[in-house]
Protein backbone atom coordinates (compact mmCIF):
# COMPACT_ATOMS: atom_id res chain seq x y z
CA MET A 1 14.14 1.69 -1.67
CA VAL A 2 14.93 -0.49 1.30
CA ASN A 3 12.38 -0.69 4.06
CA GLN A 4 11.92 -4.24 5.26
CA SER A 5 9.93 -5.86 8.00
CA ASN A 6 8.63 -9.40 8.21
CA GLY A 7 9.82 -10.14 4.65
CA VAL A 8 8.02 -7.10 3.22
CA GLU A 9 10.04 -4.59 1.20
CA VAL A 10 8.83 -1.43 -0.50
CA LEU A 11 10.48 -1.45 -3.94
CA ARG A 12 9.00 1.78 -5.31
CA LEU A 13 6.93 4.59 -3.90
CA HIS A 14 5.47 7.31 -6.14
CA ARG A 15 4.08 10.35 -4.29
CA LEU A 16 1.25 12.31 -5.88
CA SER A 17 0.84 16.06 -5.64
CA GLY A 18 -2.37 17.96 -5.06
CA ASP A 19 -5.15 17.89 -2.50
CA SER A 20 -6.55 14.45 -3.32
CA SER A 21 -6.98 11.87 -0.56
CA LEU A 22 -4.82 9.54 -2.69
CA LYS A 23 -1.26 10.39 -1.63
CA ALA A 24 0.98 7.73 -3.25
CA PHE A 25 1.30 4.40 -5.02
CA ALA A 26 3.69 1.66 -3.87
CA ASP A 27 5.08 -1.59 -5.25
CA VAL A 28 5.91 -4.15 -2.56
CA SER A 29 7.95 -7.36 -2.54
CA PHE A 30 7.06 -10.26 -0.27
CA ALA A 31 9.95 -12.46 0.89
CA GLY A 32 11.84 -11.43 -2.24
CA VAL A 33 9.78 -13.82 -4.38
CA PHE A 34 6.45 -12.08 -5.07
CA ILE A 35 5.63 -8.49 -6.07
CA VAL A 36 2.32 -6.65 -5.75
CA LYS A 37 2.06 -3.36 -7.62
CA GLY A 38 -0.43 -0.60 -7.04
CA LEU A 39 -0.86 -0.40 -3.28
CA LYS A 40 -2.23 3.04 -2.40
CA VAL A 41 -1.43 5.42 0.44
CA VAL A 42 -4.71 7.16 1.26
CA GLU A 43 -5.61 9.95 3.70
CA GLY A 44 -8.76 8.81 5.49
CA LYS A 45 -10.82 10.31 8.31
CA LYS A 46 -8.56 8.62 10.87
CA GLY A 47 -5.26 9.35 9.11
CA LEU A 48 -3.13 7.55 6.54
CA PHE A 49 -3.76 3.93 5.58
CA VAL A 50 -2.69 1.53 2.85
CA GLY A 51 -5.29 0.48 0.29
CA MET A 52 -4.89 -2.71 -1.67
CA PRO A 53 -4.93 -2.89 -5.48
CA SER A 54 -8.51 -3.05 -6.69
CA ARG A 55 -10.69 -2.97 -9.77
CA VAL A 56 -14.32 -2.33 -10.65
CA GLY A 57 -16.65 -5.32 -10.80
CA LYS A 58 -19.62 -5.78 -13.11
CA ASP A 59 -21.79 -4.22 -10.39
CA ASN A 60 -19.66 -1.01 -10.48
CA LYS A 61 -18.31 -1.67 -6.96
CA TRP A 62 -14.58 -1.73 -6.23
CA TYR A 63 -13.03 -5.06 -5.15
CA GLU A 64 -9.53 -5.70 -3.78
CA ILE A 65 -7.62 -8.07 -6.05
CA ALA A 66 -4.83 -8.77 -3.55
CA TYR A 67 -5.05 -8.47 0.22
CA PRO A 68 -3.61 -9.75 3.53
CA LEU A 69 -5.40 -12.70 5.06
CA THR A 70 -4.81 -11.67 8.67
CA LYS A 71 -5.25 -8.47 10.64
CA GLU A 72 -1.69 -8.80 11.96
CA PHE A 73 -0.16 -8.98 8.50
CA ARG A 74 -2.29 -6.05 7.28
CA GLU A 75 -0.99 -3.99 10.22
CA SER A 76 2.61 -5.01 9.43
CA LEU A 77 2.16 -4.12 5.75
CA ASN A 78 0.62 -0.74 6.69
CA GLU A 79 3.56 -0.01 8.98
CA VAL A 80 6.20 -0.78 6.34
CA VAL A 81 4.51 1.17 3.52
CA LEU A 82 3.64 4.19 5.67
CA GLU A 83 7.19 4.30 7.04
CA ALA A 84 8.51 4.39 3.45
CA TYR A 85 5.99 7.12 2.64
CA GLU A 86 7.17 9.25 5.58
CA GLU A 87 10.83 8.75 4.59
CA GLU A 88 10.12 10.06 1.08
CA LYS A 89 9.06 13.53 2.30
């Protein structure tokens, strides 16, 4: 799957069926040298967004284990992943 912007490429997108708010999982490459697996496409109250990979802590709360450091990069990542999601329809 080729959908690049700012060095971000969606390598795989797996759509889920059903009525869940979780719509898909994505694996993303950064600058062709680093891969993050398990990004989530989620339907929220304000529409679709990309959730970062996360796991449960000892306090039973969910914590992101990989995430963008800037708002601008998060927006760019959202754009690339959601564009790939829309193309897969």
